[in-house]
Full PDB file with SEQRES, HELIX, SHEET, SSBOND, CRYST1, ORIGX, SCALE, CONECT and MASTER records, all heavy atoms in Angstrom:
SEQRES   1 A   43  VAL GLY ASN VAL VAL LEU ALA ILE LEU VAL THR PRO ILE          
SEQRES   2 A   43  LEU ASN GLY SER GLY GLY SER LEU LEU TRP PRO MET LEU          
SEQRES   3 A   43  PHE HIS TRP GLN LEU ILE ASN PRO LEU TRP PRO ASP ALA          
SEQRES   4 A   43  GLN PRO PHE ASP                                              
HELIX    1 AA1 GLY A    2  GLY A   16  1                                  15    
HELIX    2 AA2 LEU A   22  LEU A   31  1                                  10    
CRYST1    1.000    1.000    1.000  90.00  90.00  90.00 P 1           1          
ORIGX1      1.000000  0.000000  0.000000        0.00000                         
ORIGX2      0.000000  1.000000  0.000000        0.00000                         
ORIGX3      0.000000  0.000000  1.000000        0.00000                         
SCALE1      1.000000  0.000000  0.000000        0.00000                         
SCALE2      0.000000  1.000000  0.000000        0.00000                         
SCALE3      0.000000  0.000000  1.000000        0.00000                         
ATOM      1  N   VAL A   1       4.164 -13.039   0.316  1.00  0.00           N  
ATOM      2  CA  VAL A   1       5.343 -12.233  -0.020  1.00  0.00           C  
ATOM      3  C   VAL A   1       4.914 -10.799  -0.326  1.00  0.00           C  
ATOM      4  O   VAL A   1       5.558  -9.816   0.108  1.00  0.00           O  
ATOM      5  CB  VAL A   1       6.094 -12.840  -1.191  1.00  0.00           C  
ATOM      6  CG1 VAL A   1       7.209 -11.903  -1.684  1.00  0.00           C  
ATOM      7  CG2 VAL A   1       6.689 -14.209  -0.817  1.00  0.00           C  
ATOM      8  N   GLY A   2       3.814 -10.669  -1.061  1.00  0.00           N  
ATOM      9  CA  GLY A   2       3.337  -9.336  -1.395  1.00  0.00           C  
ATOM     10  C   GLY A   2       2.951  -8.530  -0.183  1.00  0.00           C  
ATOM     11  O   GLY A   2       3.204  -7.309  -0.122  1.00  0.00           O  
ATOM     12  N   ASN A   3       2.366  -9.165   0.811  1.00  0.00           N  
ATOM     13  CA  ASN A   3       2.004  -8.457   2.050  1.00  0.00           C  
ATOM     14  C   ASN A   3       3.245  -7.945   2.770  1.00  0.00           C  
ATOM     15  O   ASN A   3       3.251  -6.813   3.277  1.00  0.00           O  
ATOM     16  CB  ASN A   3       1.195  -9.373   2.968  1.00  0.00           C  
ATOM     17  CG  ASN A   3      -0.282  -9.368   2.685  1.00  0.00           C  
ATOM     18  OD1 ASN A   3      -1.099  -8.938   3.483  1.00  0.00           O  
ATOM     19  ND2 ASN A   3      -0.660  -9.835   1.496  1.00  0.00           N  
ATOM     20  N   VAL A   4       4.284  -8.755   2.823  1.00  0.00           N  
ATOM     21  CA  VAL A   4       5.530  -8.334   3.471  1.00  0.00           C  
ATOM     22  C   VAL A   4       6.127  -7.154   2.690  1.00  0.00           C  
ATOM     23  O   VAL A   4       6.546  -6.137   3.289  1.00  0.00           O  
ATOM     24  CB  VAL A   4       6.534  -9.484   3.549  1.00  0.00           C  
ATOM     25  CG1 VAL A   4       7.878  -9.012   4.105  1.00  0.00           C  
ATOM     26  CG2 VAL A   4       5.971 -10.617   4.440  1.00  0.00           C  
ATOM     27  N   VAL A   5       6.151  -7.276   1.386  1.00  0.00           N  
ATOM     28  CA  VAL A   5       6.706  -6.224   0.534  1.00  0.00           C  
ATOM     29  C   VAL A   5       5.934  -4.927   0.693  1.00  0.00           C  
ATOM     30  O   VAL A   5       6.515  -3.827   0.872  1.00  0.00           O  
ATOM     31  CB  VAL A   5       6.684  -6.666  -0.935  1.00  0.00           C  
ATOM     32  CG1 VAL A   5       6.940  -5.511  -1.874  1.00  0.00           C  
ATOM     33  CG2 VAL A   5       7.729  -7.774  -1.163  1.00  0.00           C  
ATOM     34  N   LEU A   6       4.613  -5.020   0.674  1.00  0.00           N  
ATOM     35  CA  LEU A   6       3.782  -3.808   0.784  1.00  0.00           C  
ATOM     36  C   LEU A   6       3.938  -3.154   2.150  1.00  0.00           C  
ATOM     37  O   LEU A   6       3.929  -1.907   2.251  1.00  0.00           O  
ATOM     38  CB  LEU A   6       2.323  -4.167   0.544  1.00  0.00           C  
ATOM     39  CG  LEU A   6       1.973  -4.537  -0.906  1.00  0.00           C  
ATOM     40  CD1 LEU A   6       0.588  -5.164  -0.973  1.00  0.00           C  
ATOM     41  CD2 LEU A   6       2.033  -3.301  -1.797  1.00  0.00           C  
ATOM     42  N   ALA A   7       4.053  -3.951   3.205  1.00  0.00           N  
ATOM     43  CA  ALA A   7       4.197  -3.388   4.544  1.00  0.00           C  
ATOM     44  C   ALA A   7       5.531  -2.668   4.686  1.00  0.00           C  
ATOM     45  O   ALA A   7       5.622  -1.640   5.371  1.00  0.00           O  
ATOM     46  CB  ALA A   7       4.080  -4.492   5.598  1.00  0.00           C  
ATOM     47  N   ILE A   8       6.567  -3.180   4.030  1.00  0.00           N  
ATOM     48  CA  ILE A   8       7.855  -2.458   4.042  1.00  0.00           C  
ATOM     49  C   ILE A   8       7.739  -1.189   3.224  1.00  0.00           C  
ATOM     50  O   ILE A   8       8.227  -0.118   3.609  1.00  0.00           O  
ATOM     51  CB  ILE A   8       8.953  -3.359   3.472  1.00  0.00           C  
ATOM     52  CG1 ILE A   8       9.213  -4.559   4.410  1.00  0.00           C  
ATOM     53  CG2 ILE A   8      10.241  -2.574   3.262  1.00  0.00           C  
ATOM     54  CD1 ILE A   8      10.138  -5.604   3.823  1.00  0.00           C  
ATOM     55  N   LEU A   9       7.003  -1.273   2.098  1.00  0.00           N  
ATOM     56  CA  LEU A   9       6.893  -0.111   1.214  1.00  0.00           C  
ATOM     57  C   LEU A   9       6.106   1.023   1.859  1.00  0.00           C  
ATOM     58  O   LEU A   9       6.423   2.206   1.624  1.00  0.00           O  
ATOM     59  CB  LEU A   9       6.195  -0.566  -0.075  1.00  0.00           C  
ATOM     60  CG  LEU A   9       6.225   0.368  -1.294  1.00  0.00           C  
ATOM     61  CD1 LEU A   9       7.637   0.772  -1.633  1.00  0.00           C  
ATOM     62  CD2 LEU A   9       5.545  -0.314  -2.469  1.00  0.00           C  
ATOM     63  N   VAL A  10       5.116   0.724   2.675  1.00  0.00           N  
ATOM     64  CA  VAL A  10       4.325   1.769   3.289  1.00  0.00           C  
ATOM     65  C   VAL A  10       5.013   2.352   4.523  1.00  0.00           C  
ATOM     66  O   VAL A  10       4.628   3.422   5.026  1.00  0.00           O  
ATOM     67  CB  VAL A  10       2.920   1.241   3.669  1.00  0.00           C  
ATOM     68  CG1 VAL A  10       2.941   0.420   4.931  1.00  0.00           C  
ATOM     69  CG2 VAL A  10       1.916   2.368   3.799  1.00  0.00           C  
ATOM     70  N   THR A  11       6.074   1.703   4.979  1.00  0.00           N  
ATOM     71  CA  THR A  11       6.778   2.156   6.201  1.00  0.00           C  
ATOM     72  C   THR A  11       7.339   3.561   6.066  1.00  0.00           C  
ATOM     73  O   THR A  11       7.122   4.388   6.965  1.00  0.00           O  
ATOM     74  CB  THR A  11       7.855   1.138   6.583  1.00  0.00           C  
ATOM     75  OG1 THR A  11       7.228  -0.069   7.012  1.00  0.00           O  
ATOM     76  CG2 THR A  11       8.731   1.667   7.726  1.00  0.00           C  
ATOM     77  N   PRO A  12       8.087   3.894   5.007  1.00  0.00           N  
ATOM     78  CA  PRO A  12       8.558   5.277   4.913  1.00  0.00           C  
ATOM     79  C   PRO A  12       7.448   6.314   4.726  1.00  0.00           C  
ATOM     80  O   PRO A  12       7.608   7.480   5.073  1.00  0.00           O  
ATOM     81  CB  PRO A  12       9.498   5.266   3.683  1.00  0.00           C  
ATOM     82  CG  PRO A  12       9.100   4.049   2.917  1.00  0.00           C  
ATOM     83  CD  PRO A  12       8.613   3.068   3.911  1.00  0.00           C  
ATOM     84  N   ILE A  13       6.280   5.859   4.236  1.00  0.00           N  
ATOM     85  CA  ILE A  13       5.144   6.771   4.136  1.00  0.00           C  
ATOM     86  C   ILE A  13       4.600   7.073   5.529  1.00  0.00           C  
ATOM     87  O   ILE A  13       4.315   8.234   5.883  1.00  0.00           O  
ATOM     88  CB  ILE A  13       4.047   6.157   3.252  1.00  0.00           C  
ATOM     89  CG1 ILE A  13       4.559   5.963   1.810  1.00  0.00           C  
ATOM     90  CG2 ILE A  13       2.791   7.030   3.255  1.00  0.00           C  
ATOM     91  CD1 ILE A  13       3.588   5.262   0.882  1.00  0.00           C  
ATOM     92  N   LEU A  14       4.482   6.029   6.349  1.00  0.00           N  
ATOM     93  CA  LEU A  14       4.019   6.212   7.726  1.00  0.00           C  
ATOM     94  C   LEU A  14       4.977   7.121   8.496  1.00  0.00           C  
ATOM     95  O   LEU A  14       4.551   8.091   9.121  1.00  0.00           O  
ATOM     96  CB  LEU A  14       3.935   4.838   8.434  1.00  0.00           C  
ATOM     97  CG  LEU A  14       3.660   4.880   9.927  1.00  0.00           C  
ATOM     98  CD1 LEU A  14       2.223   5.270  10.213  1.00  0.00           C  
ATOM     99  CD2 LEU A  14       3.977   3.522  10.563  1.00  0.00           C  
ATOM    100  N   ASN A  15       6.254   6.828   8.444  1.00  0.00           N  
ATOM    101  CA  ASN A  15       7.241   7.607   9.223  1.00  0.00           C  
ATOM    102  C   ASN A  15       7.482   8.975   8.633  1.00  0.00           C  
ATOM    103  O   ASN A  15       7.701   9.952   9.369  1.00  0.00           O  
ATOM    104  CB  ASN A  15       8.537   6.813   9.333  1.00  0.00           C  
ATOM    105  CG  ASN A  15       8.402   5.590  10.194  1.00  0.00           C  
ATOM    106  OD1 ASN A  15       7.623   5.564  11.149  1.00  0.00           O  
ATOM    107  ND2 ASN A  15       9.126   4.515   9.860  1.00  0.00           N  
ATOM    108  N   GLY A  16       7.480   9.074   7.309  1.00  0.00           N  
ATOM    109  CA  GLY A  16       7.714  10.354   6.678  1.00  0.00           C  
ATOM    110  C   GLY A  16       6.607  11.351   6.899  1.00  0.00           C  
ATOM    111  O   GLY A  16       6.806  12.552   6.783  1.00  0.00           O  
ATOM    112  N   SER A  17       5.412  10.847   7.222  1.00  0.00           N  
ATOM    113  CA  SER A  17       4.284  11.748   7.494  1.00  0.00           C  
ATOM    114  C   SER A  17       4.107  12.033   8.984  1.00  0.00           C  
ATOM    115  O   SER A  17       3.170  12.729   9.386  1.00  0.00           O  
ATOM    116  CB  SER A  17       2.982  11.103   6.975  1.00  0.00           C  
ATOM    117  OG  SER A  17       2.703   9.903   7.690  1.00  0.00           O  
ATOM    118  N   GLY A  18       5.010  11.490   9.800  1.00  0.00           N  
ATOM    119  CA  GLY A  18       4.893  11.716  11.253  1.00  0.00           C  
ATOM    120  C   GLY A  18       3.807  10.907  11.891  1.00  0.00           C  
ATOM    121  O   GLY A  18       3.284  11.294  12.935  1.00  0.00           O  
ATOM    122  N   GLY A  19       3.460   9.762  11.279  1.00  0.00           N  
ATOM    123  CA  GLY A  19       2.457   8.866  11.881  1.00  0.00           C  
ATOM    124  C   GLY A  19       1.069   9.012  11.307  1.00  0.00           C  
ATOM    125  O   GLY A  19       0.112   8.496  11.890  1.00  0.00           O  
ATOM    126  N   SER A  20       0.921   9.658  10.173  1.00  0.00           N  
ATOM    127  CA  SER A  20      -0.401   9.788   9.550  1.00  0.00           C  
ATOM    128  C   SER A  20      -1.001   8.437   9.262  1.00  0.00           C  
ATOM    129  O   SER A  20      -0.322   7.499   8.828  1.00  0.00           O  
ATOM    130  CB  SER A  20      -0.292  10.579   8.247  1.00  0.00           C  
ATOM    131  OG  SER A  20      -1.502  10.523   7.497  1.00  0.00           O  
ATOM    132  N   LEU A  21      -2.295   8.305   9.499  1.00  0.00           N  
ATOM    133  CA  LEU A  21      -3.038   7.108   9.081  1.00  0.00           C  
ATOM    134  C   LEU A  21      -3.794   7.350   7.787  1.00  0.00           C  
ATOM    135  O   LEU A  21      -4.255   6.417   7.131  1.00  0.00           O  
ATOM    136  CB  LEU A  21      -3.995   6.662  10.176  1.00  0.00           C  
ATOM    137  CG  LEU A  21      -3.342   6.126  11.443  1.00  0.00           C  
ATOM    138  CD1 LEU A  21      -4.385   5.814  12.505  1.00  0.00           C  
ATOM    139  CD2 LEU A  21      -2.529   4.882  11.117  1.00  0.00           C  
ATOM    140  N   LEU A  22      -3.918   8.623   7.411  1.00  0.00           N  
ATOM    141  CA  LEU A  22      -4.626   8.971   6.171  1.00  0.00           C  
ATOM    142  C   LEU A  22      -3.913   8.380   4.968  1.00  0.00           C  
ATOM    143  O   LEU A  22      -4.544   7.719   4.127  1.00  0.00           O  
ATOM    144  CB  LEU A  22      -4.706  10.488   6.046  1.00  0.00           C  
ATOM    145  CG  LEU A  22      -5.223  11.033   4.704  1.00  0.00           C  
ATOM    146  CD1 LEU A  22      -6.688  10.653   4.516  1.00  0.00           C  
ATOM    147  CD2 LEU A  22      -5.066  12.549   4.645  1.00  0.00           C  
ATOM    148  N   TRP A  23      -2.591   8.560   4.874  1.00  0.00           N  
ATOM    149  CA  TRP A  23      -1.854   8.122   3.687  1.00  0.00           C  
ATOM    150  C   TRP A  23      -1.707   6.613   3.611  1.00  0.00           C  
ATOM    151  O   TRP A  23      -1.880   6.046   2.517  1.00  0.00           O  
ATOM    152  CB  TRP A  23      -0.519   8.838   3.605  1.00  0.00           C  
ATOM    153  CG  TRP A  23      -0.677  10.305   3.389  1.00  0.00           C  
ATOM    154  CD1 TRP A  23      -0.448  11.304   4.286  1.00  0.00           C  
ATOM    155  CD2 TRP A  23      -1.160  10.937   2.212  1.00  0.00           C  
ATOM    156  NE1 TRP A  23      -0.749  12.523   3.733  1.00  0.00           N  
ATOM    157  CE2 TRP A  23      -1.200  12.338   2.460  1.00  0.00           C  
ATOM    158  CE3 TRP A  23      -1.588  10.487   0.959  1.00  0.00           C  
ATOM    159  CZ2 TRP A  23      -1.635  13.255   1.510  1.00  0.00           C  
ATOM    160  CZ3 TRP A  23      -2.015  11.384   0.028  1.00  0.00           C  
ATOM    161  CH2 TRP A  23      -2.042  12.763   0.291  1.00  0.00           C  
ATOM    162  N   PRO A  24      -1.441   5.900   4.719  1.00  0.00           N  
ATOM    163  CA  PRO A  24      -1.476   4.431   4.636  1.00  0.00           C  
ATOM    164  C   PRO A  24      -2.848   3.903   4.240  1.00  0.00           C  
ATOM    165  O   PRO A  24      -2.930   2.890   3.522  1.00  0.00           O  
ATOM    166  CB  PRO A  24      -1.098   4.006   6.043  1.00  0.00           C  
ATOM    167  CG  PRO A  24      -0.215   5.100   6.562  1.00  0.00           C  
ATOM    168  CD  PRO A  24      -0.835   6.361   5.995  1.00  0.00           C  
ATOM    169  N   MET A  25      -3.914   4.564   4.660  1.00  0.00           N  
ATOM    170  CA  MET A  25      -5.244   4.110   4.265  1.00  0.00           C  
ATOM    171  C   MET A  25      -5.476   4.304   2.769  1.00  0.00           C  
ATOM    172  O   MET A  25      -6.034   3.430   2.092  1.00  0.00           O  
ATOM    173  CB  MET A  25      -6.308   4.863   5.073  1.00  0.00           C  
ATOM    174  CG  MET A  25      -6.371   4.410   6.541  1.00  0.00           C  
ATOM    175  SD  MET A  25      -7.654   5.268   7.505  1.00  0.00           S  
ATOM    176  CE  MET A  25      -9.120   4.417   6.915  1.00  0.00           C  
ATOM    177  N   LEU A  26      -5.023   5.435   2.228  1.00  0.00           N  
ATOM    178  CA  LEU A  26      -5.157   5.661   0.776  1.00  0.00           C  
ATOM    179  C   LEU A  26      -4.263   4.675   0.010  1.00  0.00           C  
ATOM    180  O   LEU A  26      -4.626   4.201  -1.073  1.00  0.00           O  
ATOM    181  CB  LEU A  26      -4.782   7.097   0.451  1.00  0.00           C  
ATOM    182  CG  LEU A  26      -5.787   8.170   0.943  1.00  0.00           C  
ATOM    183  CD1 LEU A  26      -5.245   9.562   0.660  1.00  0.00           C  
ATOM    184  CD2 LEU A  26      -7.155   7.965   0.305  1.00  0.00           C  
ATOM    185  N   PHE A  27      -3.084   4.399   0.556  1.00  0.00           N  
ATOM    186  CA  PHE A  27      -2.202   3.394  -0.027  1.00  0.00           C  
ATOM    187  C   PHE A  27      -2.932   2.034  -0.106  1.00  0.00           C  
ATOM    188  O   PHE A  27      -2.943   1.374  -1.145  1.00  0.00           O  
ATOM    189  CB  PHE A  27      -0.948   3.265   0.846  1.00  0.00           C  
ATOM    190  CG  PHE A  27       0.059   2.254   0.393  1.00  0.00           C  
ATOM    191  CD1 PHE A  27       1.150   2.619  -0.378  1.00  0.00           C  
ATOM    192  CD2 PHE A  27      -0.047   0.910   0.781  1.00  0.00           C  
ATOM    193  CE1 PHE A  27       2.104   1.688  -0.766  1.00  0.00           C  
ATOM    194  CE2 PHE A  27       0.891  -0.028   0.377  1.00  0.00           C  
ATOM    195  CZ  PHE A  27       1.975   0.365  -0.397  1.00  0.00           C  
ATOM    196  N   HIS A  28      -3.557   1.667   1.005  1.00  0.00           N  
ATOM    197  CA  HIS A  28      -4.282   0.380   1.057  1.00  0.00           C  
ATOM    198  C   HIS A  28      -5.446   0.371   0.068  1.00  0.00           C  
ATOM    199  O   HIS A  28      -5.729  -0.644  -0.573  1.00  0.00           O  
ATOM    200  CB  HIS A  28      -4.775   0.170   2.496  1.00  0.00           C  
ATOM    201  CG  HIS A  28      -5.166  -1.240   2.792  1.00  0.00           C  
ATOM    202  ND1 HIS A  28      -4.872  -1.855   3.998  1.00  0.00           N  
ATOM    203  CD2 HIS A  28      -5.854  -2.169   2.078  1.00  0.00           C  
ATOM    204  CE1 HIS A  28      -5.340  -3.083   3.989  1.00  0.00           C  
ATOM    205  NE2 HIS A  28      -5.937  -3.292   2.834  1.00  0.00           N  
ATOM    206  N   TRP A  29      -6.133   1.501  -0.009  1.00  0.00           N  
ATOM    207  CA  TRP A  29      -7.264   1.579  -0.941  1.00  0.00           C  
ATOM    208  C   TRP A  29      -6.852   1.349  -2.374  1.00  0.00           C  
ATOM    209  O   TRP A  29      -7.556   0.703  -3.145  1.00  0.00           O  
ATOM    210  CB  TRP A  29      -7.910   2.972  -0.780  1.00  0.00           C  
ATOM    211  CG  TRP A  29      -9.238   3.130  -1.457  1.00  0.00           C  
ATOM    212  CD1 TRP A  29     -10.198   2.162  -1.639  1.00  0.00           C  
ATOM    213  CD2 TRP A  29      -9.781   4.318  -2.016  1.00  0.00           C  
ATOM    214  NE1 TRP A  29     -11.298   2.673  -2.266  1.00  0.00           N  
ATOM    215  CE2 TRP A  29     -11.078   4.014  -2.523  1.00  0.00           C  
ATOM    216  CE3 TRP A  29      -9.322   5.619  -2.146  1.00  0.00           C  
ATOM    217  CZ2 TRP A  29     -11.898   4.957  -3.131  1.00  0.00           C  
ATOM    218  CZ3 TRP A  29     -10.128   6.554  -2.746  1.00  0.00           C  
ATOM    219  CH2 TRP A  29     -11.402   6.230  -3.238  1.00  0.00           C  
ATOM    220  N   GLN A  30      -5.681   1.862  -2.736  1.00  0.00           N  
ATOM    221  CA  GLN A  30      -5.207   1.640  -4.088  1.00  0.00           C  
ATOM    222  C   GLN A  30      -4.944   0.142  -4.361  1.00  0.00           C  
ATOM    223  O   GLN A  30      -5.104  -0.317  -5.488  1.00  0.00           O  
ATOM    224  CB  GLN A  30      -3.917   2.422  -4.362  1.00  0.00           C  
ATOM    225  CG  GLN A  30      -4.131   3.917  -4.555  1.00  0.00           C  
ATOM    226  CD  GLN A  30      -4.706   4.226  -5.945  1.00  0.00           C  
ATOM    227  OE1 GLN A  30      -5.720   3.652  -6.357  1.00  0.00           O  
ATOM    228  NE2 GLN A  30      -4.070   5.143  -6.648  1.00  0.00           N  
ATOM    229  N   LEU A  31      -4.560  -0.580  -3.335  1.00  0.00           N  
ATOM    230  CA  LEU A  31      -4.290  -2.018  -3.514  1.00  0.00           C  
ATOM    231  C   LEU A  31      -5.536  -2.788  -3.854  1.00  0.00           C  
ATOM    232  O   LEU A  31      -5.451  -3.874  -4.478  1.00  0.00           O  
ATOM    233  CB  LEU A  31      -3.665  -2.577  -2.238  1.00  0.00           C  
ATOM    234  CG  LEU A  31      -2.391  -1.892  -1.728  1.00  0.00           C  
ATOM    235  CD1 LEU A  31      -1.908  -2.572  -0.455  1.00  0.00           C  
ATOM    236  CD2 LEU A  31      -1.296  -1.895  -2.795  1.00  0.00           C  
ATOM    237  N   ILE A  32      -6.710  -2.313  -3.442  1.00  0.00           N  
ATOM    238  CA  ILE A  32      -7.956  -3.054  -3.685  1.00  0.00           C  
ATOM    239  C   ILE A  32      -8.920  -2.250  -4.568  1.00  0.00           C  
ATOM    240  O   ILE A  32     -10.096  -2.567  -4.636  1.00  0.00           O  
ATOM    241  CB  ILE A  32      -8.638  -3.408  -2.354  1.00  0.00           C  
ATOM    242  CG1 ILE A  32      -8.863  -2.162  -1.496  1.00  0.00           C  
ATOM    243  CG2 ILE A  32      -7.819  -4.437  -1.584  1.00  0.00           C  
ATOM    244  CD1 ILE A  32      -9.614  -2.429  -0.180  1.00  0.00           C  
ATOM    245  N   ASN A  33      -8.368  -1.227  -5.233  1.00  0.00           N  
ATOM    246  CA  ASN A  33      -9.188  -0.386  -6.100  1.00  0.00           C  
ATOM    247  C   ASN A  33      -9.753  -1.225  -7.254  1.00  0.00           C  
ATOM    248  O   ASN A  33      -8.987  -1.853  -8.010  1.00  0.00           O  
ATOM    249  CB  ASN A  33      -8.305   0.741  -6.651  1.00  0.00           C  
ATOM    250  CG  ASN A  33      -9.091   1.810  -7.367  1.00  0.00           C  
ATOM    251  OD1 ASN A  33     -10.071   1.518  -8.045  1.00  0.00           O  
ATOM    252  ND2 ASN A  33      -8.639   3.055  -7.235  1.00  0.00           N  
ATOM    253  N   PRO A  34     -11.075  -1.272  -7.409  1.00  0.00           N  
ATOM    254  CA  PRO A  34     -11.666  -2.133  -8.455  1.00  0.00           C  
ATOM    255  C   PRO A  34     -11.366  -1.654  -9.870  1.00  0.00           C  
ATOM    256  O   PRO A  34     -11.651  -2.388 -10.818  1.00  0.00           O  
ATOM    257  CB  PRO A  34     -13.173  -2.082  -8.143  1.00  0.00           C  
ATOM    258  CG  PRO A  34     -13.371  -0.775  -7.449  1.00  0.00           C  
ATOM    259  CD  PRO A  34     -12.101  -0.576  -6.637  1.00  0.00           C  
ATOM    260  N   LEU A  35     -10.806  -0.471 -10.017  1.00  0.00           N  
ATOM    261  CA  LEU A  35     -10.447   0.013 -11.359  1.00  0.00           C  
ATOM    262  C   LEU A  35      -9.242  -0.730 -11.914  1.00  0.00           C  
ATOM    263  O   LEU A  35      -9.091  -0.873 -13.132  1.00  0.00           O  
ATOM    264  CB  LEU A  35     -10.152   1.520 -11.326  1.00  0.00           C  
ATOM    265  CG  LEU A  35     -11.325   2.460 -11.047  1.00  0.00           C  
ATOM    266  CD1 LEU A  35     -10.811   3.900 -10.931  1.00  0.00           C  
ATOM    267  CD2 LEU A  35     -12.376   2.349 -12.123  1.00  0.00           C  
ATOM    268  N   TRP A  36      -8.356  -1.182 -11.028  1.00  0.00           N  
ATOM    269  CA  TRP A  36      -7.109  -1.788 -11.490  1.00  0.00           C  
ATOM    270  C   TRP A  36      -7.332  -3.249 -11.825  1.00  0.00           C  
ATOM    271  O   TRP A  36      -8.007  -3.975 -11.094  1.00  0.00           O  
ATOM    272  CB  TRP A  36      -5.998  -1.616 -10.463  1.00  0.00           C  
ATOM    273  CG  TRP A  36      -5.896  -0.233  -9.883  1.00  0.00           C  
ATOM    274  CD1 TRP A  36      -5.662   0.113  -8.582  1.00  0.00           C  
ATOM    275  CD2 TRP A  36      -6.038   1.003 -10.598  1.00  0.00           C  
ATOM    276  NE1 TRP A  36      -5.651   1.460  -8.442  1.00  0.00           N  
ATOM    277  CE2 TRP A  36      -5.881   2.056  -9.655  1.00  0.00           C  
ATOM    278  CE3 TRP A  36      -6.247   1.329 -11.930  1.00  0.00           C  
ATOM    279  CZ2 TRP A  36      -5.958   3.383 -10.010  1.00  0.00           C  
ATOM    280  CZ3 TRP A  36      -6.322   2.693 -12.307  1.00  0.00           C  
ATOM    281  CH2 TRP A  36      -6.173   3.681 -11.348  1.00  0.00           C  
ATOM    282  N   PRO A  37      -6.721  -3.739 -12.882  1.00  0.00           N  
ATOM    283  CA  PRO A  37      -6.940  -5.112 -13.318  1.00  0.00           C  
ATOM    284  C   PRO A  37      -6.226  -6.118 -12.423  1.00  0.00           C  
ATOM    285  O   PRO A  37      -5.290  -5.770 -11.669  1.00  0.00           O  
ATOM    286  CB  PRO A  37      -6.348  -5.123 -14.734  1.00  0.00           C  
ATOM    287  CG  PRO A  37      -5.275  -4.073 -14.668  1.00  0.00           C  
ATOM    288  CD  PRO A  37      -5.794  -2.989 -13.769  1.00  0.00           C  
ATOM    289  N   ASP A  38      -6.654  -7.351 -12.517  1.00  0.00           N  
ATOM    290  CA  ASP A  38      -5.991  -8.436 -11.783  1.00  0.00           C  
ATOM    291  C   ASP A  38      -4.604  -8.652 -12.399  1.00  0.00           C  
ATOM    292  O   ASP A  38      -4.479  -8.966 -13.592  1.00  0.00           O  
ATOM    293  CB  ASP A  38      -6.817  -9.714 -11.879  1.00  0.00           C  
ATOM    294  CG  ASP A  38      -6.158 -10.902 -11.193  1.00  0.00           C  
ATOM    295  OD1 ASP A  38      -5.281 -10.675 -10.347  1.00  0.00           O  
ATOM    296  OD2 ASP A  38      -6.532 -12.054 -11.491  1.00  0.00           O  
ATOM    297  N   ALA A  39      -3.589  -8.461 -11.583  1.00  0.00           N  
ATOM    298  CA  ALA A  39      -2.205  -8.572 -12.072  1.00  0.00           C  
ATOM    299  C   ALA A  39      -1.427  -9.638 -11.342  1.00  0.00           C  
ATOM    300  O   ALA A  39      -0.194  -9.723 -11.476  1.00  0.00           O  
ATOM    301  CB  ALA A  39      -1.505  -7.235 -11.964  1.00  0.00           C  
ATOM    302  N   GLN A  40      -2.099 -10.484 -10.542  1.00  0.00           N  
ATOM    303  CA  GLN A  40      -1.420 -11.547  -9.804  1.00  0.00           C  
ATOM    304  C   GLN A  40      -0.824 -12.573 -10.763  1.00  0.00           C  
ATOM    305  O   GLN A  40      -1.495 -12.950 -11.749  1.00  0.00           O  
ATOM    306  CB  GLN A  40      -2.410 -12.242  -8.867  1.00  0.00           C  
ATOM    307  CG  GLN A  40      -2.698 -11.489  -7.591  1.00  0.00           C  
ATOM    308  CD  GLN A  40      -1.611 -11.724  -6.557  1.00  0.00           C  
ATOM    309  OE1 GLN A  40      -0.970 -12.770  -6.536  1.00  0.00           O  
ATOM    310  NE2 GLN A  40      -1.404 -10.748  -5.702  1.00  0.00           N  
ATOM    311  N   PRO A  41       0.382 -13.076 -10.543  1.00  0.00           N  
ATOM    312  CA  PRO A  41       1.294 -12.737  -9.456  1.00  0.00           C  
ATOM    313  C   PRO A  41       2.358 -11.696  -9.866  1.00  0.00           C  
ATOM    314  O   PRO A  41       3.243 -11.410  -9.111  1.00  0.00           O  
ATOM    315  CB  PRO A  41       1.971 -14.080  -9.196  1.00  0.00           C  
ATOM    316  CG  PRO A  41       2.106 -14.686 -10.560  1.00  0.00           C  
ATOM    317  CD  PRO A  41       0.868 -14.250 -11.311  1.00  0.00           C  
ATOM    318  N   PHE A  42       2.215 -11.158 -11.106  1.00  0.00           N  
ATOM    319  CA  PHE A  42       3.270 -10.282 -11.634  1.00  0.00           C  
ATOM    320  C   PHE A  42       3.394  -8.968 -10.814  1.00  0.00           C  
ATOM    321  O   PHE A  42       4.479  -8.432 -10.706  1.00  0.00           O  
ATOM    322  CB  PHE A  42       3.005  -9.980 -13.115  1.00  0.00           C  
ATOM    323  CG  PHE A  42       3.065 -11.201 -13.974  1.00  0.00           C  
ATOM    324  CD1 PHE A  42       1.911 -11.808 -14.434  1.00  0.00           C  
ATOM    325  CD2 PHE A  42       4.287 -11.776 -14.326  1.00  0.00           C  
ATOM    326  CE1 PHE A  42       1.956 -12.945 -15.211  1.00  0.00           C  
ATOM    327  CE2 PHE A  42       4.351 -12.913 -15.116  1.00  0.00           C  
ATOM    328  CZ  PHE A  42       3.185 -13.480 -15.555  1.00  0.00           C  
ATOM    329  N   ASP A  43       2.240  -8.489 -10.311  1.00  0.00           N  
ATOM    330  CA  ASP A  43       2.342  -7.260  -9.516  1.00  0.00           C  
ATOM    331  C   ASP A  43       3.204  -7.451  -8.265  1.00  0.00           C  
ATOM    332  O   ASP A  43       3.914  -6.540  -7.839  1.00  0.00           O  
ATOM    333  CB  ASP A  43       0.933  -6.770  -9.131  1.00  0.00           C  
ATOM    334  CG  ASP A  43       0.095  -7.808  -8.446  1.00  0.00           C  
ATOM    335  OD1 ASP A  43       0.490  -8.986  -8.431  1.00  0.00           O  
ATOM    336  OD2 ASP A  43      -0.966  -7.445  -7.931  1.00  0.00           O  
TER     337      ASP A  43                                                      
MASTER        0    0    0    2    0    0    0    6  336    1    0    4          
END                                                                             
């Protein structure tokens, strides 16, 4: 469910940037950033 939600959430970022891959990559990086605590499943 989280994957579906995140893919929808990154969609306006992709389209709003005119197809940038830089911002979706930074978005993805934040999802696996080791600084952030384990928040499953509440996140």
